[in-house]
């Protein structure tokens, strides 16, 4: 299995396709398969790199405090291990916080960024999630998963199947390790730095995304940023409406001449 240990922590990643690089960073409480549809579709044109962030999937379950910058360094380590000099970067939720920081700190590494959710600072929802994961991973995980999609999707046959896939992976998880991911995200605020972003940026929110107002704020503070709302979807809109989501990303990449020609 491919692991990067460049930052001193085992970070698992998956590579699909060939071409220019696209690096995808998932949300709490999923793993790299949050991007399953995008990995399948965009691998037509790109070398898609899906990362399990620390605390999830096959990556290390770190239960001691660290910073969001450490998670950024994990992603840069994967890119270095793969010899990737530049990439299109996608991030969802905490992954979008990582992507924002990477774009600000390492603009030389990224041709464009697309953010799902797009919150650049702390969230009032995080402490209750930390408390619940510390109290009982098994009881809270499915409730958290359902909270990130619309009720209609969560109750559909497809939605139940997909969300239960992550529930079935719970034996890999550790409640304190998940809590530390939230703590790292909630102790970082890059909002004041957003006007310094020089990487072309797209922010996508689901119509019923709890982060919609934060996404609008982020896009308004980044010069030239594009903000789109995907109808009838929640926070994990890339999972609920992959075709609609991918169309938005492709239009954005085409506008910056970043879609390869086959």
Protein backbone atom coordinates (compact mmCIF):
# COMPACT_ATOMS: atom_id res chain seq x y z
CA UNK A 1 0.00 0.00 0.00
CA UNK A 2 1.32 3.52 -0.78
CA UNK A 3 2.19 5.57 2.29
CA UNK A 4 3.94 8.90 2.60
CA UNK A 5 6.07 9.29 5.70
CA UNK A 6 7.63 12.60 4.68
CA UNK A 7 6.06 14.41 7.67
CA UNK A 8 6.78 11.67 10.19
CA UNK A 9 3.22 10.29 10.08
CA UNK A 10 1.89 7.45 7.92
CA UNK A 11 -0.38 9.05 5.31
CA UNK A 12 -2.08 6.68 2.88
CA UNK A 13 -3.01 7.78 -0.62
CA UNK A 14 -4.49 6.33 -3.81
CA UNK A 15 -3.55 7.27 -7.38
CA UNK A 16 -6.02 6.91 -10.25
CA UNK A 17 -5.43 7.81 -13.89
CA UNK A 18 -2.63 9.71 -15.57
CA UNK A 19 -1.93 13.25 -16.70
CA UNK A 20 -1.67 16.54 -14.81
CA UNK A 21 -2.15 16.08 -11.07
CA UNK A 22 -5.36 16.62 -9.11
CA UNK A 23 -5.05 16.20 -5.33
CA UNK A 24 -8.22 15.64 -3.31
CA UNK A 25 -8.54 16.10 0.47
CA UNK A 26 -11.68 14.77 2.14
CA UNK A 27 -13.96 15.93 4.98
CA UNK A 28 -14.67 14.71 8.47
CA UNK A 29 -15.91 11.98 9.04
CA UNK A 30 -15.31 10.30 5.66
CA UNK A 31 -12.10 9.10 4.01
CA UNK A 32 -10.67 9.42 0.48
CA UNK A 33 -13.75 7.65 -0.93
CA UNK A 34 -15.80 10.80 -0.34
CA UNK A 35 -14.34 11.65 -3.76
CA UNK A 36 -15.14 8.26 -5.34
CA UNK A 37 -17.17 9.76 -8.17
CA UNK A 38 -14.63 12.51 -8.86
CA UNK A 39 -11.72 10.02 -8.84
CA UNK A 40 -13.56 7.90 -11.40
CA UNK A 41 -14.53 10.83 -13.62
CA UNK A 42 -11.52 13.14 -13.45
CA UNK A 43 -9.04 10.29 -13.87
CA UNK A 44 -10.10 10.47 -17.54
CA UNK A 45 -7.93 13.59 -17.76
CA UNK A 46 -5.86 13.80 -14.58
CA UNK A 47 -3.66 11.80 -12.28
CA UNK A 48 -6.05 11.91 -9.31
CA UNK A 49 -4.47 11.55 -5.86
CA UNK A 50 -6.93 10.79 -3.06
CA UNK A 51 -5.47 11.23 0.42
CA UNK A 52 -6.67 9.71 3.69
CA UNK A 53 -5.97 12.56 6.11
CA UNK A 54 -4.47 11.63 9.49
CA UNK A 55 -7.18 10.12 11.68
CA UNK A 56 -9.00 8.39 8.84
CA UNK A 57 -8.87 5.42 6.51
CA UNK A 58 -5.52 3.70 6.44
CA UNK A 59 -3.59 6.74 7.68
CA UNK A 60 -2.18 7.10 11.20
CA UNK A 61 -4.65 7.67 14.04
CA UNK A 62 -2.91 10.52 15.84
CA UNK A 63 -4.40 11.13 19.31
CA UNK A 64 -2.10 13.94 20.45
CA UNK A 65 -2.56 17.62 19.49
CA UNK A 66 -1.21 19.01 16.22
CA UNK A 67 -1.92 21.96 13.95
CA UNK A 68 -3.69 22.37 10.62
CA UNK A 69 -0.27 23.20 9.19
CA UNK A 70 0.84 19.65 10.04
CA UNK A 71 -2.02 18.33 7.91
CA UNK A 72 -0.93 20.68 5.12
CA UNK A 73 2.58 19.29 5.39
CA UNK A 74 1.14 15.77 5.09
CA UNK A 75 -0.38 16.68 1.71
CA UNK A 76 2.81 18.35 0.50
CA UNK A 77 4.71 15.23 1.55
CA UNK A 78 2.47 13.06 -0.63
CA UNK A 79 3.05 15.36 -3.58
CA UNK A 80 6.82 15.27 -3.07
CA UNK A 81 6.82 11.49 -2.81
CA UNK A 82 4.96 11.30 -6.12
CA UNK A 83 7.16 13.90 -7.80
CA UNK A 84 4.23 16.27 -8.32
CA UNK A 85 5.45 19.83 -8.90
CA UNK A 86 2.02 21.41 -9.49
CA UNK A 87 -1.57 20.27 -9.08
CA UNK A 88 -5.20 21.24 -9.08
CA UNK A 89 -6.28 20.95 -5.44
CA UNK A 90 -9.72 20.03 -4.12
CA UNK A 91 -10.79 20.05 -0.48
CA UNK A 92 -14.06 19.42 1.34
CA UNK A 93 -14.87 20.80 4.82
CA UNK A 94 -11.70 20.38 6.92
CA UNK A 95 -10.12 19.48 3.58
CA UNK A 96 -11.13 22.92 2.29
CA UNK A 97 -9.47 24.49 5.33
CA UNK A 98 -6.31 22.57 4.46
CA UNK A 99 -6.62 23.61 0.80
CA UNK A 100 -7.02 27.28 1.73
CA UNK A 101 -3.89 27.19 3.87
CA UNK A 102 -1.95 25.33 1.19
CA UNK A 103 -2.95 27.87 -1.43
CA UNK A 104 -1.85 30.73 0.81
CA UNK A 105 1.41 29.13 1.96
CA UNK A 106 2.40 27.31 -1.24
CA UNK A 107 0.91 29.11 -4.27
CA UNK A 108 3.80 27.78 -6.37
CA UNK A 109 2.40 24.25 -6.01
CA UNK A 110 -1.17 24.79 -7.22
CA UNK A 111 -2.73 25.85 -10.52
CA UNK A 112 -6.24 26.13 -9.04
CA UNK A 113 -8.23 25.23 -5.94
CA UNK A 114 -11.82 24.13 -5.55
CA UNK A 115 -13.34 24.20 -2.09
CA UNK A 116 -16.45 22.39 -0.86
CA UNK A 117 -17.87 24.22 2.13
CA UNK A 118 -15.01 26.70 2.16
CA UNK A 119 -14.96 27.80 5.80
CA UNK A 120 -11.69 29.61 6.54
CA UNK A 121 -12.01 29.79 10.32
CA UNK A 122 -13.43 28.18 13.47
CA UNK A 123 -16.96 26.76 13.64
CA UNK A 124 -19.36 26.82 16.57
CA UNK A 125 -20.39 23.25 15.66
CA UNK A 126 -16.97 21.72 16.23
CA UNK A 127 -16.85 21.49 20.04
CA UNK A 128 -20.04 19.42 20.27
CA UNK A 129 -18.63 17.06 17.64
CA UNK A 130 -15.37 16.75 19.57
CA UNK A 131 -17.33 15.94 22.73
CA UNK A 132 -19.53 13.38 20.96
CA UNK A 133 -16.63 11.56 19.29
CA UNK A 134 -14.83 11.40 22.61
CA UNK A 135 -17.99 10.07 24.26
CA UNK A 136 -18.93 7.41 21.70
CA UNK A 137 -17.66 7.03 18.14
CA UNK A 138 -20.10 4.18 17.46
CA UNK A 139 -23.18 6.18 18.51
CA UNK A 140 -22.26 9.50 16.91
CA UNK A 141 -20.64 8.58 13.60
CA UNK A 142 -23.83 7.81 11.64
CA UNK A 143 -25.55 10.92 13.03
CA UNK A 144 -22.66 13.06 11.87
CA UNK A 145 -22.62 11.41 8.43
CA UNK A 146 -26.35 12.02 8.01
CA UNK A 147 -25.96 15.64 9.08
CA UNK A 148 -23.67 16.33 6.11
CA UNK A 149 -26.18 15.33 3.43
CA UNK A 150 -29.84 16.12 2.91
CA UNK A 151 -32.40 13.92 4.72
CA UNK A 152 -33.79 12.79 1.36
CA UNK A 153 -30.37 11.50 0.28
CA UNK A 154 -29.61 9.91 3.66
CA UNK A 155 -32.92 8.02 3.52
CA UNK A 156 -32.59 6.94 -0.10
CA UNK A 157 -31.41 3.45 -1.01
CA UNK A 158 -28.18 4.84 -2.47
CA UNK A 159 -27.60 7.21 0.43
CA UNK A 160 -28.08 4.49 3.04
CA UNK A 161 -25.69 2.23 1.16
CA UNK A 162 -22.97 4.88 0.89
CA UNK A 163 -23.21 6.16 4.45
CA UNK A 164 -23.24 2.62 5.82
CA UNK A 165 -20.02 1.98 3.90
CA UNK A 166 -18.27 4.45 6.21
CA UNK A 167 -20.05 3.08 9.26
CA UNK A 168 -18.71 -0.38 8.39
CA UNK A 169 -15.20 1.10 8.39
CA UNK A 170 -15.53 2.27 12.02
CA UNK A 171 -13.15 -0.45 13.32
CA UNK A 172 -10.34 1.51 11.61
CA UNK A 173 -11.27 4.67 13.49
CA UNK A 174 -10.52 6.17 16.89
CA UNK A 175 -12.77 8.77 18.51
CA UNK A 176 -9.91 10.76 20.02
CA UNK A 177 -8.06 10.81 16.68
CA UNK A 178 -11.18 12.28 15.03
CA UNK A 179 -11.48 14.81 17.85
CA UNK A 180 -7.92 15.95 17.18
CA UNK A 181 -8.78 16.63 13.51
CA UNK A 182 -11.58 18.94 14.63
CA UNK A 183 -9.35 20.60 17.20
CA UNK A 184 -6.67 21.32 14.58
CA UNK A 185 -9.23 22.85 12.24
CA UNK A 186 -10.90 24.92 14.94
CA UNK A 187 -7.66 26.43 16.20
CA UNK A 188 -6.80 27.97 12.83
CA UNK A 189 -8.32 31.08 11.25
CA UNK A 190 -7.08 32.15 7.81
CA UNK A 191 -9.93 34.58 7.11
CA UNK A 192 -7.79 37.72 7.32
CA UNK A 193 -5.30 36.16 4.88
CA UNK A 194 -7.88 35.40 2.17
CA UNK A 195 -7.31 38.66 0.23
CA UNK A 196 -3.72 37.43 -0.28
CA UNK A 197 -4.82 34.30 -2.15
CA UNK A 198 -3.34 34.28 -5.65
CA UNK A 199 -4.39 30.79 -6.73
CA UNK A 200 -7.61 30.74 -8.82
CA UNK A 201 -10.34 29.59 -6.43
CA UNK A 202 -13.77 28.03 -6.78
CA UNK A 203 -16.09 27.62 -3.77
CA UNK A 204 -19.02 25.21 -4.01
CA UNK A 205 -21.76 24.86 -1.41
CA UNK A 206 -24.80 22.67 -1.34
CA UNK A 207 -28.08 24.56 -1.14
CA UNK A 208 -28.60 23.20 2.39
CA UNK A 209 -24.95 23.29 3.44
CA UNK A 210 -24.41 24.52 7.01
CA UNK A 211 -21.26 26.20 5.69
CA UNK A 212 -23.05 28.19 2.99
CA UNK A 213 -22.59 31.56 4.69
CA UNK A 214 -18.92 30.79 5.41
CA UNK A 215 -18.40 29.75 1.78
CA UNK A 216 -19.93 32.99 0.55
CA UNK A 217 -17.65 34.93 2.89
CA UNK A 218 -14.57 33.08 1.68
CA UNK A 219 -15.34 33.63 -1.99
CA UNK A 220 -16.10 37.32 -1.39
CA UNK A 221 -12.68 37.87 0.20
CA UNK A 222 -10.61 36.15 -2.52
CA UNK A 223 -10.06 38.27 -5.59
CA UNK A 224 -11.64 36.68 -8.67
CA UNK A 225 -13.04 33.70 -6.75
CA UNK A 226 -16.12 31.96 -8.13
CA UNK A 227 -18.95 30.84 -5.85
CA UNK A 228 -21.54 28.26 -6.91
CA UNK A 229 -24.48 26.66 -5.11
CA UNK A 230 -25.50 23.10 -6.00
CA UNK A 231 -29.28 22.77 -5.63
CA UNK A 232 -30.94 20.22 -3.34
CA UNK A 233 -27.69 19.06 -1.73
CA UNK A 234 -26.00 19.37 1.66
CA UNK A 235 -22.42 19.81 2.80
CA UNK A 236 -21.09 16.71 1.01
CA UNK A 237 -22.54 17.87 -2.30
CA UNK A 238 -19.83 16.10 -4.33
CA UNK A 239 -21.32 12.81 -3.10
CA UNK A 240 -24.99 13.72 -3.47
CA UNK A 241 -24.89 15.16 -7.00
CA UNK A 242 -21.58 14.16 -8.57
CA UNK A 243 -22.65 14.98 -12.12
CA UNK A 244 -23.76 18.49 -11.18
CA UNK A 245 -20.69 18.99 -9.03
CA UNK A 246 -18.29 17.83 -11.74
CA UNK A 247 -19.88 20.14 -14.32
CA UNK A 248 -19.17 23.12 -12.07
CA UNK A 249 -15.55 22.07 -11.56
CA UNK A 250 -14.99 21.39 -15.26
CA UNK A 251 -16.44 24.78 -16.25
CA UNK A 252 -14.11 26.45 -13.73
CA UNK A 253 -11.04 24.56 -14.93
CA UNK A 254 -11.89 25.25 -18.57
CA UNK A 255 -12.17 28.97 -17.79
CA UNK A 256 -8.54 28.81 -16.62
CA UNK A 257 -7.43 26.54 -19.48
CA UNK A 258 -6.65 23.73 -17.03
CA UNK A 259 -8.76 20.95 -18.56
CA UNK A 260 -6.45 18.67 -20.57
CA UNK A 261 -7.43 17.94 -24.17
CA UNK A 262 -7.55 14.21 -24.92
